[in-house]
Amino acid sequence: MSNNFAIAFVFIGVTFDLLGCLGLIRLPDIYNRLQAATKSVTLGTCAILFGVFLEFGFSSGGIKALICIMFVMFTSPTAAHALARGSHIRGFKLWEGSKVDKLKKAREKK
């Protein structure tokens, strides 16, 4: 039974990863692309790793999958934040359809 759940989680993870790849192609600027890639790939990778955990259980492979889930959950959003902030400081323009630029307003107050 857990094999079916493992396959389902891997399938869901691959689907989210695919949607993240489509977001990288379709979205207009670096900030939207980072957001799409980070959210979907983090969820997709964690779902795949959880499927691996369900398949292997509490063996060495399953424990490594759980450790990797924690690593991805901490590092992926932090890296995306650093990339977005660095891109903004470097001067990459927002898409013309963007409504709010809170970082620009915060930097102007200083």
PDB file of N, CA and C in Angstrom:
ATOM      1  N   MET A   1       0.816  -1.203   0.000  1.00  0.00           N
ATOM      2  CA  MET A   1       0.000   0.000   0.000  1.00  0.00           C
ATOM      3  C   MET A   1       0.856   1.262   0.000  1.00  0.00           C
ATOM      4  N   SER A   2       1.932   1.238   0.791  1.00  0.00           N
ATOM      5  CA  SER A   2       2.770   2.440   0.835  1.00  0.00           C
ATOM      6  C   SER A   2       3.482   2.655  -0.490  1.00  0.00           C
ATOM      7  N   ASN A   3       3.662   1.584  -1.272  1.00  0.00           N
ATOM      8  CA  ASN A   3       4.259   1.727  -2.582  1.00  0.00           C
ATOM      9  C   ASN A   3       3.394   2.617  -3.474  1.00  0.00           C
ATOM     10  N   ASN A   4       2.073   2.477  -3.392  1.00  0.00           N
ATOM     11  CA  ASN A   4       1.175   3.322  -4.176  1.00  0.00           C
ATOM     12  C   ASN A   4       1.264   4.782  -3.731  1.00  0.00           C
ATOM     13  N   PHE A   5       1.361   4.993  -2.424  1.00  0.00           N
ATOM     14  CA  PHE A   5       1.518   6.361  -1.927  1.00  0.00           C
ATOM     15  C   PHE A   5       2.857   6.944  -2.370  1.00  0.00           C
ATOM     16  N   ALA A   6       3.892   6.147  -2.365  1.00  0.00           N
ATOM     17  CA  ALA A   6       5.213   6.613  -2.795  1.00  0.00           C
ATOM     18  C   ALA A   6       5.176   7.028  -4.259  1.00  0.00           C
ATOM     19  N   ILE A   7       4.551   6.215  -5.086  1.00  0.00           N
ATOM     20  CA  ILE A   7       4.444   6.542  -6.513  1.00  0.00           C
ATOM     21  C   ILE A   7       3.613   7.803  -6.697  1.00  0.00           C
ATOM     22  N   ALA A   8       2.547   7.952  -5.924  1.00  0.00           N
ATOM     23  CA  ALA A   8       1.708   9.149  -6.028  1.00  0.00           C
ATOM     24  C   ALA A   8       2.497  10.404  -5.642  1.00  0.00           C
ATOM     25  N   PHE A   9       3.279  10.339  -4.568  1.00  0.00           N
ATOM     26  CA  PHE A   9       4.066  11.498  -4.171  1.00  0.00           C
ATOM     27  C   PHE A   9       5.137  11.833  -5.205  1.00  0.00           C
ATOM     28  N   VAL A  10       5.766  10.825  -5.769  1.00  0.00           N
ATOM     29  CA  VAL A  10       6.770  11.084  -6.808  1.00  0.00           C
ATOM     30  C   VAL A  10       6.107  11.707  -8.029  1.00  0.00           C
ATOM     31  N   PHE A  11       4.941  11.211  -8.414  1.00  0.00           N
ATOM     32  CA  PHE A  11       4.226  11.772  -9.561  1.00  0.00           C
ATOM     33  C   PHE A  11       3.829  13.229  -9.300  1.00  0.00           C
ATOM     34  N   ILE A  12       3.321  13.514  -8.109  1.00  0.00           N
ATOM     35  CA  ILE A  12       2.964  14.894  -7.757  1.00  0.00           C
ATOM     36  C   ILE A  12       4.205  15.789  -7.777  1.00  0.00           C
ATOM     37  N   GLY A  13       5.310  15.287  -7.251  1.00  0.00           N
ATOM     38  CA  GLY A  13       6.545  16.063  -7.243  1.00  0.00           C
ATOM     39  C   GLY A  13       7.054  16.373  -8.641  1.00  0.00           C
ATOM     40  N   VAL A  14       7.014  15.382  -9.517  1.00  0.00           N
ATOM     41  CA  VAL A  14       7.451  15.600 -10.895  1.00  0.00           C
ATOM     42  C   VAL A  14       6.532  16.604 -11.591  1.00  0.00           C
ATOM     43  N   THR A  15       5.251  16.539 -11.301  1.00  0.00           N
ATOM     44  CA  THR A  15       4.304  17.501 -11.886  1.00  0.00           C
ATOM     45  C   THR A  15       4.621  18.922 -11.423  1.00  0.00           C
ATOM     46  N   PHE A  16       4.878  19.110 -10.136  1.00  0.00           N
ATOM     47  CA  PHE A  16       5.236  20.441  -9.642  1.00  0.00           C
ATOM     48  C   PHE A  16       6.557  20.915 -10.239  1.00  0.00           C
ATOM     49  N   ASP A  17       7.521  20.029 -10.382  1.00  0.00           N
ATOM     50  CA  ASP A  17       8.787  20.418 -10.998  1.00  0.00           C
ATOM     51  C   ASP A  17       8.587  20.838 -12.450  1.00  0.00           C
ATOM     52  N   LEU A  18       7.729  20.125 -13.164  1.00  0.00           N
ATOM     53  CA  LEU A  18       7.426  20.489 -14.545  1.00  0.00           C
ATOM     54  C   LEU A  18       6.766  21.860 -14.614  1.00  0.00           C
ATOM     55  N   LEU A  19       5.832  22.125 -13.709  1.00  0.00           N
ATOM     56  CA  LEU A  19       5.186  23.443 -13.688  1.00  0.00           C
ATOM     57  C   LEU A  19       6.188  24.547 -13.358  1.00  0.00           C
ATOM     58  N   GLY A  20       7.149  24.258 -12.504  1.00  0.00           N
ATOM     59  CA  GLY A  20       8.202  25.231 -12.215  1.00  0.00           C
ATOM     60  C   GLY A  20       9.041  25.529 -13.437  1.00  0.00           C
ATOM     61  N   CYS A  21       9.327  24.510 -14.229  1.00  0.00           N
ATOM     62  CA  CYS A  21      10.080  24.715 -15.474  1.00  0.00           C
ATOM     63  C   CYS A  21       9.283  25.555 -16.467  1.00  0.00           C
ATOM     64  N   LEU A  22       7.997  25.304 -16.537  1.00  0.00           N
ATOM     65  CA  LEU A  22       7.152  26.131 -17.420  1.00  0.00           C
ATOM     66  C   LEU A  22       7.116  27.581 -16.944  1.00  0.00           C
ATOM     67  N   GLY A  23       7.122  27.785 -15.624  1.00  0.00           N
ATOM     68  CA  GLY A  23       7.158  29.138 -15.084  1.00  0.00           C
ATOM     69  C   GLY A  23       8.437  29.855 -15.455  1.00  0.00           C
ATOM     70  N   LEU A  24       9.542  29.142 -15.517  1.00  0.00           N
ATOM     71  CA  LEU A  24      10.804  29.755 -15.925  1.00  0.00           C
ATOM     72  C   LEU A  24      10.754  30.223 -17.371  1.00  0.00           C
ATOM     73  N   ILE A  25      10.012  29.530 -18.182  1.00  0.00           N
ATOM     74  CA  ILE A  25       9.925  29.893 -19.600  1.00  0.00           C
ATOM     75  C   ILE A  25       8.894  30.997 -19.831  1.00  0.00           C
ATOM     76  N   ARG A  26       7.756  30.913 -19.166  1.00  0.00           N
ATOM     77  CA  ARG A  26       6.617  31.768 -19.498  1.00  0.00           C
ATOM     78  C   ARG A  26       6.552  33.113 -18.783  1.00  0.00           C
ATOM     79  N   LEU A  27       7.127  33.226 -17.603  1.00  0.00           N
ATOM     80  CA  LEU A  27       6.937  34.442 -16.817  1.00  0.00           C
ATOM     81  C   LEU A  27       7.855  35.562 -17.294  1.00  0.00           C
ATOM     82  N   PRO A  28       7.462  36.834 -17.085  1.00  0.00           N
ATOM     83  CA  PRO A  28       8.105  37.947 -17.772  1.00  0.00           C
ATOM     84  C   PRO A  28       9.437  38.433 -17.207  1.00  0.00           C
ATOM     85  N   ASP A  29       9.656  38.388 -15.907  1.00  0.00           N
ATOM     86  CA  ASP A  29      10.900  38.956 -15.386  1.00  0.00           C
ATOM     87  C   ASP A  29      11.537  38.019 -14.369  1.00  0.00           C
ATOM     88  N   ILE A  30      12.731  38.389 -13.930  1.00  0.00           N
ATOM     89  CA  ILE A  30      13.511  37.519 -13.052  1.00  0.00           C
ATOM     90  C   ILE A  30      12.811  37.271 -11.724  1.00  0.00           C
ATOM     91  N   TYR A  31      12.090  38.248 -11.230  1.00  0.00           N
ATOM     92  CA  TYR A  31      11.450  38.114  -9.917  1.00  0.00           C
ATOM     93  C   TYR A  31      10.287  37.128  -9.967  1.00  0.00           C
ATOM     94  N   ASN A  32       9.475  37.214 -11.005  1.00  0.00           N
ATOM     95  CA  ASN A  32       8.377  36.253 -11.166  1.00  0.00           C
ATOM     96  C   ASN A  32       8.915  34.854 -11.432  1.00  0.00           C
ATOM     97  N   ARG A  33       9.981  34.760 -12.204  1.00  0.00           N
ATOM     98  CA  ARG A  33      10.563  33.455 -12.493  1.00  0.00           C
ATOM     99  C   ARG A  33      11.137  32.824 -11.229  1.00  0.00           C
ATOM    100  N   LEU A  34      11.808  33.628 -10.420  1.00  0.00           N
ATOM    101  CA  LEU A  34      12.341  33.105  -9.165  1.00  0.00           C
ATOM    102  C   LEU A  34      11.236  32.606  -8.250  1.00  0.00           C
ATOM    103  N   GLN A  35      10.155  33.349  -8.189  1.00  0.00           N
ATOM    104  CA  GLN A  35       9.046  32.967  -7.314  1.00  0.00           C
ATOM    105  C   GLN A  35       8.439  31.650  -7.782  1.00  0.00           C
ATOM    106  N   ALA A  36       8.195  31.539  -9.066  1.00  0.00           N
ATOM    107  CA  ALA A  36       7.589  30.312  -9.592  1.00  0.00           C
ATOM    108  C   ALA A  36       8.510  29.114  -9.411  1.00  0.00           C
ATOM    109  N   ALA A  37       9.771  29.318  -9.724  1.00  0.00           N
ATOM    110  CA  ALA A  37      10.713  28.210  -9.621  1.00  0.00           C
ATOM    111  C   ALA A  37      10.900  27.784  -8.168  1.00  0.00           C
ATOM    112  N   THR A  38      11.023  28.739  -7.275  1.00  0.00           N
ATOM    113  CA  THR A  38      11.284  28.397  -5.880  1.00  0.00           C
ATOM    114  C   THR A  38      10.100  27.682  -5.252  1.00  0.00           C
ATOM    115  N   LYS A  39       8.915  28.212  -5.426  1.00  0.00           N
ATOM    116  CA  LYS A  39       7.743  27.598  -4.794  1.00  0.00           C
ATOM    117  C   LYS A  39       7.482  26.199  -5.346  1.00  0.00           C
ATOM    118  N   SER A  40       7.432  26.088  -6.652  1.00  0.00           N
ATOM    119  CA  SER A  40       7.045  24.800  -7.227  1.00  0.00           C
ATOM    120  C   SER A  40       8.158  23.769  -7.121  1.00  0.00           C
ATOM    121  N   VAL A  41       9.390  24.177  -7.314  1.00  0.00           N
ATOM    122  CA  VAL A  41      10.474  23.209  -7.254  1.00  0.00           C
ATOM    123  C   VAL A  41      10.723  22.765  -5.818  1.00  0.00           C
ATOM    124  N   THR A  42      10.577  23.669  -4.862  1.00  0.00           N
ATOM    125  CA  THR A  42      10.725  23.261  -3.463  1.00  0.00           C
ATOM    126  C   THR A  42       9.658  22.235  -3.105  1.00  0.00           C
ATOM    127  N   LEU A  43       8.420  22.515  -3.441  1.00  0.00           N
ATOM    128  CA  LEU A  43       7.343  21.575  -3.136  1.00  0.00           C
ATOM    129  C   LEU A  43       7.507  20.279  -3.927  1.00  0.00           C
ATOM    130  N   GLY A  44       7.879  20.400  -5.189  1.00  0.00           N
ATOM    131  CA  GLY A  44       8.049  19.209  -6.014  1.00  0.00           C
ATOM    132  C   GLY A  44       9.182  18.321  -5.545  1.00  0.00           C
ATOM    133  N   THR A  45      10.318  18.925  -5.241  1.00  0.00           N
ATOM    134  CA  THR A  45      11.460  18.139  -4.773  1.00  0.00           C
ATOM    135  C   THR A  45      11.167  17.495  -3.431  1.00  0.00           C
ATOM    136  N   CYS A  46      10.520  18.228  -2.551  1.00  0.00           N
ATOM    137  CA  CYS A  46      10.158  17.648  -1.246  1.00  0.00           C
ATOM    138  C   CYS A  46       9.156  16.509  -1.405  1.00  0.00           C
ATOM    139  N   ALA A  47       8.238  16.622  -2.340  1.00  0.00           N
ATOM    140  CA  ALA A  47       7.284  15.537  -2.570  1.00  0.00           C
ATOM    141  C   ALA A  47       7.986  14.299  -3.119  1.00  0.00           C
ATOM    142  N   ILE A  48       8.926  14.501  -4.035  1.00  0.00           N
ATOM    143  CA  ILE A  48       9.686  13.364  -4.562  1.00  0.00           C
ATOM    144  C   ILE A  48      10.479  12.699  -3.444  1.00  0.00           C
ATOM    145  N   LEU A  49      11.145  13.498  -2.633  1.00  0.00           N
ATOM    146  CA  LEU A  49      11.938  12.935  -1.539  1.00  0.00           C
ATOM    147  C   LEU A  49      11.058  12.239  -0.506  1.00  0.00           C
ATOM    148  N   PHE A  50       9.859  12.769  -0.268  1.00  0.00           N
ATOM    149  CA  PHE A  50       8.957  12.102   0.659  1.00  0.00           C
ATOM    150  C   PHE A  50       8.476  10.769   0.078  1.00  0.00           C
ATOM    151  N   GLY A  51       8.270  10.724  -1.228  1.00  0.00           N
ATOM    152  CA  GLY A  51       7.935   9.455  -1.877  1.00  0.00           C
ATOM    153  C   GLY A  51       9.059   8.446  -1.726  1.00  0.00           C
ATOM    154  N   VAL A  52      10.302   8.928  -1.833  1.00  0.00           N
ATOM    155  CA  VAL A  52      11.456   8.048  -1.605  1.00  0.00           C
ATOM    156  C   VAL A  52      11.451   7.536  -0.168  1.00  0.00           C
ATOM    157  N   PHE A  53      11.153   8.430   0.776  1.00  0.00           N
ATOM    158  CA  PHE A  53      11.077   8.010   2.172  1.00  0.00           C
ATOM    159  C   PHE A  53       9.996   6.950   2.374  1.00  0.00           C
ATOM    160  N   LEU A  54       8.834   7.158   1.769  1.00  0.00           N
ATOM    161  CA  LEU A  54       7.766   6.166   1.903  1.00  0.00           C
ATOM    162  C   LEU A  54       8.177   4.821   1.310  1.00  0.00           C
ATOM    163  N   GLU A  55       8.942   4.849   0.256  1.00  0.00           N
ATOM    164  CA  GLU A  55       9.366   3.604  -0.380  1.00  0.00           C
ATOM    165  C   GLU A  55      10.412   2.862   0.454  1.00  0.00           C
ATOM    166  N   PHE A  56      11.380   3.595   1.002  1.00  0.00           N
ATOM    167  CA  PHE A  56      12.475   2.950   1.727  1.00  0.00           C
ATOM    168  C   PHE A  56      12.243   2.848   3.229  1.00  0.00           C
ATOM    169  N   GLY A  57      11.320   3.641   3.766  1.00  0.00           N
ATOM    170  CA  GLY A  57      11.054   3.582   5.199  1.00  0.00           C
ATOM    171  C   GLY A  57      12.182   4.188   6.012  1.00  0.00           C
ATOM    172  N   PHE A  58      12.358   3.699   7.219  1.00  0.00           N
ATOM    173  CA  PHE A  58      13.377   4.245   8.116  1.00  0.00           C
ATOM    174  C   PHE A  58      14.725   3.543   7.928  1.00  0.00           C
ATOM    175  N   SER A  59      15.082   3.286   6.695  1.00  0.00           N
ATOM    176  CA  SER A  59      16.410   2.752   6.389  1.00  0.00           C
ATOM    177  C   SER A  59      17.351   3.934   6.146  1.00  0.00           C
ATOM    178  N   SER A  60      18.579   3.645   5.757  1.00  0.00           N
ATOM    179  CA  SER A  60      19.529   4.741   5.536  1.00  0.00           C
ATOM    180  C   SER A  60      19.081   5.631   4.375  1.00  0.00           C
ATOM    181  N   GLY A  61      18.496   5.057   3.334  1.00  0.00           N
ATOM    182  CA  GLY A  61      18.003   5.860   2.208  1.00  0.00           C
ATOM    183  C   GLY A  61      16.831   6.748   2.589  1.00  0.00           C
ATOM    184  N   GLY A  62      15.924   6.224   3.396  1.00  0.00           N
ATOM    185  CA  GLY A  62      14.772   7.012   3.831  1.00  0.00           C
ATOM    186  C   GLY A  62      15.157   8.154   4.755  1.00  0.00           C
ATOM    187  N   ILE A  63      16.086   7.890   5.666  1.00  0.00           N
ATOM    188  CA  ILE A  63      16.544   8.943   6.577  1.00  0.00           C
ATOM    189  C   ILE A  63      17.266  10.036   5.797  1.00  0.00           C
ATOM    190  N   LYS A  64      18.065   9.646   4.805  1.00  0.00           N
ATOM    191  CA  LYS A  64      18.750  10.634   3.959  1.00  0.00           C
ATOM    192  C   LYS A  64      17.744  11.477   3.188  1.00  0.00           C
ATOM    193  N   ALA A  65      16.651  10.868   2.749  1.00  0.00           N
ATOM    194  CA  ALA A  65      15.609  11.628   2.045  1.00  0.00           C
ATOM    195  C   ALA A  65      14.975  12.653   2.981  1.00  0.00           C
ATOM    196  N   LEU A  66      14.715  12.287   4.233  1.00  0.00           N
ATOM    197  CA  LEU A  66      14.160  13.238   5.200  1.00  0.00           C
ATOM    198  C   LEU A  66      15.131  14.378   5.488  1.00  0.00           C
ATOM    199  N   ILE A  67      16.415  14.066   5.594  1.00  0.00           N
ATOM    200  CA  ILE A  67      17.416  15.107   5.822  1.00  0.00           C
ATOM    201  C   ILE A  67      17.481  16.045   4.622  1.00  0.00           C
ATOM    202  N   CYS A  68      17.386  15.489   3.423  1.00  0.00           N
ATOM    203  CA  CYS A  68      17.397  16.321   2.217  1.00  0.00           C
ATOM    204  C   CYS A  68      16.161  17.215   2.141  1.00  0.00           C
ATOM    205  N   ILE A  69      15.020  16.727   2.609  1.00  0.00           N
ATOM    206  CA  ILE A  69      13.811  17.553   2.644  1.00  0.00           C
ATOM    207  C   ILE A  69      14.047  18.773   3.522  1.00  0.00           C
ATOM    208  N   MET A  70      14.610  18.565   4.695  1.00  0.00           N
ATOM    209  CA  MET A  70      14.887  19.704   5.582  1.00  0.00           C
ATOM    210  C   MET A  70      15.888  20.662   4.943  1.00  0.00           C
ATOM    211  N   PHE A  71      16.908  20.127   4.293  1.00  0.00           N
ATOM    212  CA  PHE A  71      17.912  20.961   3.645  1.00  0.00           C
ATOM    213  C   PHE A  71      17.291  21.809   2.539  1.00  0.00           C
ATOM    214  N   VAL A  72      16.454  21.201   1.706  1.00  0.00           N
ATOM    215  CA  VAL A  72      15.810  21.933   0.605  1.00  0.00           C
ATOM    216  C   VAL A  72      14.857  22.994   1.150  1.00  0.00           C
ATOM    217  N   MET A  73      14.117  22.670   2.212  1.00  0.00           N
ATOM    218  CA  MET A  73      13.167  23.629   2.782  1.00  0.00           C
ATOM    219  C   MET A  73      13.864  24.863   3.357  1.00  0.00           C
ATOM    220  N   PHE A  74      15.077  24.704   3.869  1.00  0.00           N
ATOM    221  CA  PHE A  74      15.803  25.843   4.425  1.00  0.00           C
ATOM    222  C   PHE A  74      16.585  26.618   3.369  1.00  0.00           C
ATOM    223  N   THR A  75      17.206  25.930   2.431  1.00  0.00           N
ATOM    224  CA  THR A  75      18.124  26.611   1.519  1.00  0.00           C
ATOM    225  C   THR A  75      17.454  27.215   0.290  1.00  0.00           C
ATOM    226  N   SER A  76      16.446  26.578  -0.244  1.00  0.00           N
ATOM    227  CA  SER A  76      15.843  27.067  -1.480  1.00  0.00           C
ATOM    228  C   SER A  76      15.195  28.444  -1.327  1.00  0.00           C
ATOM    229  N   PRO A  77      14.340  28.673  -0.330  1.00  0.00           N
ATOM    230  CA  PRO A  77      13.780  30.021  -0.184  1.00  0.00           C
ATOM    231  C   PRO A  77      14.833  31.069   0.169  1.00  0.00           C
ATOM    232  N   THR A  78      15.836  30.684   0.951  1.00  0.00           N
ATOM    233  CA  THR A  78      16.889  31.625   1.315  1.00  0.00           C
ATOM    234  C   THR A  78      17.700  32.024   0.089  1.00  0.00           C
ATOM    235  N   ALA A  79      18.027  31.067  -0.751  1.00  0.00           N
ATOM    236  CA  ALA A  79      18.783  31.363  -1.965  1.00  0.00           C
ATOM    237  C   ALA A  79      17.965  32.227  -2.920  1.00  0.00           C
ATOM    238  N   ALA A  80      16.684  31.951  -3.055  1.00  0.00           N
ATOM    239  CA  ALA A  80      15.838  32.761  -3.940  1.00  0.00           C
ATOM    240  C   ALA A  80      15.732  34.193  -3.426  1.00  0.00           C
ATOM    241  N   HIS A  81      15.620  34.347  -2.115  1.00  0.00           N
ATOM    242  CA  HIS A  81      15.570  35.687  -1.537  1.00  0.00           C
ATOM    243  C   HIS A  81      16.862  36.440  -1.823  1.00  0.00           C
ATOM    244  N   ALA A  82      17.991  35.783  -1.639  1.00  0.00           N
ATOM    245  CA  ALA A  82      19.281  36.428  -1.897  1.00  0.00           C
ATOM    246  C   ALA A  82      19.430  36.802  -3.372  1.00  0.00           C
ATOM    247  N   LEU A  83      18.997  35.928  -4.274  1.00  0.00           N
ATOM    248  CA  LEU A  83      19.076  36.234  -5.698  1.00  0.00           C
ATOM    249  C   LEU A  83      18.168  37.397  -6.085  1.00  0.00           C
ATOM    250  N   ALA A  84      16.952  37.414  -5.547  1.00  0.00           N
ATOM    251  CA  ALA A  84      16.022  38.499  -5.864  1.00  0.00           C
ATOM    252  C   ALA A  84      16.521  39.827  -5.315  1.00  0.00           C
ATOM    253  N   ARG A  85      17.023  39.824  -4.098  1.00  0.00           N
ATOM    254  CA  ARG A  85      17.546  41.062  -3.506  1.00  0.00           C
ATOM    255  C   ARG A  85      18.781  41.550  -4.261  1.00  0.00           C
ATOM    256  N   GLY A  86      19.662  40.639  -4.611  1.00  0.00           N
ATOM    257  CA  GLY A  86      20.834  41.018  -5.388  1.00  0.00           C
ATOM    258  C   GLY A  86      20.472  41.542  -6.766  1.00  0.00           C
ATOM    259  N   SER A  87      19.480  40.941  -7.388  1.00  0.00           N
ATOM    260  CA  SER A  87      19.030  41.417  -8.701  1.00  0.00           C
ATOM    261  C   SER A  87      18.431  42.806  -8.591  1.00  0.00           C
ATOM    262  N   HIS A  88      17.684  43.051  -7.533  1.00  0.00           N
ATOM    263  CA  HIS A  88      17.066  44.366  -7.346  1.00  0.00           C
ATOM    264  C   HIS A  88      18.134  45.421  -7.081  1.00  0.00           C
ATOM    265  N   ILE A  89      19.090  45.106  -6.242  1.00  0.00           N
ATOM    266  CA  ILE A  89      20.166  46.054  -5.942  1.00  0.00           C
ATOM    267  C   ILE A  89      21.001  46.318  -7.194  1.00  0.00           C
ATOM    268  N   ARG A  90      21.208  45.295  -7.992  1.00  0.00           N
ATOM    269  CA  ARG A  90      21.998  45.430  -9.222  1.00  0.00           C
ATOM    270  C   ARG A  90      21.258  46.236 -10.279  1.00  0.00           C
ATOM    271  N   GLY A  91      19.951  46.348 -10.175  1.00  0.00           N
ATOM    272  CA  GLY A  91      19.202  47.208 -11.085  1.00  0.00           C
ATOM    273  C   GLY A  91      18.360  46.506 -12.121  1.00  0.00           C
ATOM    274  N   PHE A  92      18.078  45.235 -11.954  1.00  0.00           N
ATOM    275  CA  PHE A  92      17.188  44.556 -12.890  1.00  0.00           C
ATOM    276  C   PHE A  92      15.779  45.110 -12.729  1.00  0.00           C
ATOM    277  N   LYS A  93      15.201  45.517 -13.825  1.00  0.00           N
ATOM    278  CA  LYS A  93      13.881  46.155 -13.796  1.00  0.00           C
ATOM    279  C   LYS A  93      12.773  45.145 -13.570  1.00  0.00           C
ATOM    280  N   LEU A  94      11.734  45.617 -12.881  1.00  0.00           N
ATOM    281  CA  LEU A  94      10.530  44.814 -12.709  1.00  0.00           C
ATOM    282  C   LEU A  94       9.731  44.860 -14.003  1.00  0.00           C
ATOM    283  N   TRP A  95       8.878  43.873 -14.159  1.00  0.00           N
ATOM    284  CA  TRP A  95       7.970  43.839 -15.298  1.00  0.00           C
ATOM    285  C   TRP A  95       7.062  45.057 -15.214  1.00  0.00           C
ATOM    286  N   GLU A  96       6.710  45.639 -16.355  1.00  0.00           N
ATOM    287  CA  GLU A  96       5.888  46.857 -16.352  1.00  0.00           C
ATOM    288  C   GLU A  96       4.503  46.645 -15.760  1.00  0.00           C
ATOM    289  N   GLY A  97       4.040  45.425 -15.670  1.00  0.00           N
ATOM    290  CA  GLY A  97       2.758  45.125 -15.060  1.00  0.00           C
ATOM    291  C   GLY A  97       2.817  44.994 -13.542  1.00  0.00           C
ATOM    292  N   SER A  98       3.998  45.085 -12.962  1.00  0.00           N
ATOM    293  CA  SER A  98       4.128  44.992 -11.511  1.00  0.00           C
ATOM    294  C   SER A  98       3.551  46.243 -10.863  1.00  0.00           C
ATOM    295  N   LYS A  99       2.830  46.062  -9.787  1.00  0.00           N
ATOM    296  CA  LYS A  99       2.135  47.176  -9.141  1.00  0.00           C
ATOM    297  C   LYS A  99       2.926  47.788  -7.990  1.00  0.00           C
ATOM    298  N   VAL A 100       3.646  46.976  -7.227  1.00  0.00           N
ATOM    299  CA  VAL A 100       4.275  47.453  -6.002  1.00  0.00           C
ATOM    300  C   VAL A 100       5.747  47.039  -6.004  1.00  0.00           C
ATOM    301  N   ASP A 101       6.596  47.957  -5.543  1.00  0.00           N
ATOM    302  CA  ASP A 101       8.010  47.666  -5.348  1.00  0.00           C
ATOM    303  C   ASP A 101       8.379  48.101  -3.934  1.00  0.00           C
ATOM    304  N   LYS A 102       8.115  47.237  -2.968  1.00  0.00           N
ATOM    305  CA  LYS A 102       8.328  47.593  -1.561  1.00  0.00           C
ATOM    306  C   LYS A 102       9.805  47.747  -1.227  1.00  0.00           C
ATOM    307  N   LEU A 103      10.662  47.003  -1.882  1.00  0.00           N
ATOM    308  CA  LEU A 103      12.101  47.125  -1.591  1.00  0.00           C
ATOM    309  C   LEU A 103      12.627  48.481  -2.037  1.00  0.00           C
ATOM    310  N   LYS A 104      12.138  48.975  -3.154  1.00  0.00           N
ATOM    311  CA  LYS A 104      12.554  50.307  -3.616  1.00  0.00           C
ATOM    312  C   LYS A 104      12.106  51.374  -2.649  1.00  0.00           C
ATOM    313  N   LYS A 105      10.862  51.257  -2.160  1.00  0.00           N
ATOM    314  CA  LYS A 105      10.349  52.219  -1.184  1.00  0.00           C
ATOM    315  C   LYS A 105      11.146  52.172   0.114  1.00  0.00           C
ATOM    316  N   ALA A 106      11.515  50.985   0.543  1.00  0.00           N
ATOM    317  CA  ALA A 106      12.285  50.846   1.779  1.00  0.00           C
ATOM    318  C   ALA A 106      13.694  51.413   1.613  1.00  0.00           C
ATOM    319  N   ARG A 107      14.292  51.249   0.445  1.00  0.00           N
ATOM    320  CA  ARG A 107      15.631  51.785   0.210  1.00  0.00           C
ATOM    321  C   ARG A 107      15.610  53.300   0.067  1.00  0.00           C
ATOM    322  N   GLU A 108      14.506  53.861  -0.409  1.00  0.00           N
ATOM    323  CA  GLU A 108      14.398  55.310  -0.546  1.00  0.00           C
ATOM    324  C   GLU A 108      14.248  55.993   0.811  1.00  0.00           C
ATOM    325  N   LYS A 109      13.708  55.297   1.794  1.00  0.00           N
ATOM    326  CA  LYS A 109      13.514  55.872   3.118  1.00  0.00           C
ATOM    327  C   LYS A 109      14.831  56.052   3.850  1.00  0.00           C
ATOM    328  N   LYS A 110      15.855  55.302   3.506  1.00  0.00           N
ATOM    329  CA  LYS A 110      17.137  55.372   4.216  1.00  0.00           C
ATOM    330  C   LYS A 110      17.904  56.604   3.893  1.00  0.00           C
TER     331      LYS A 110
END
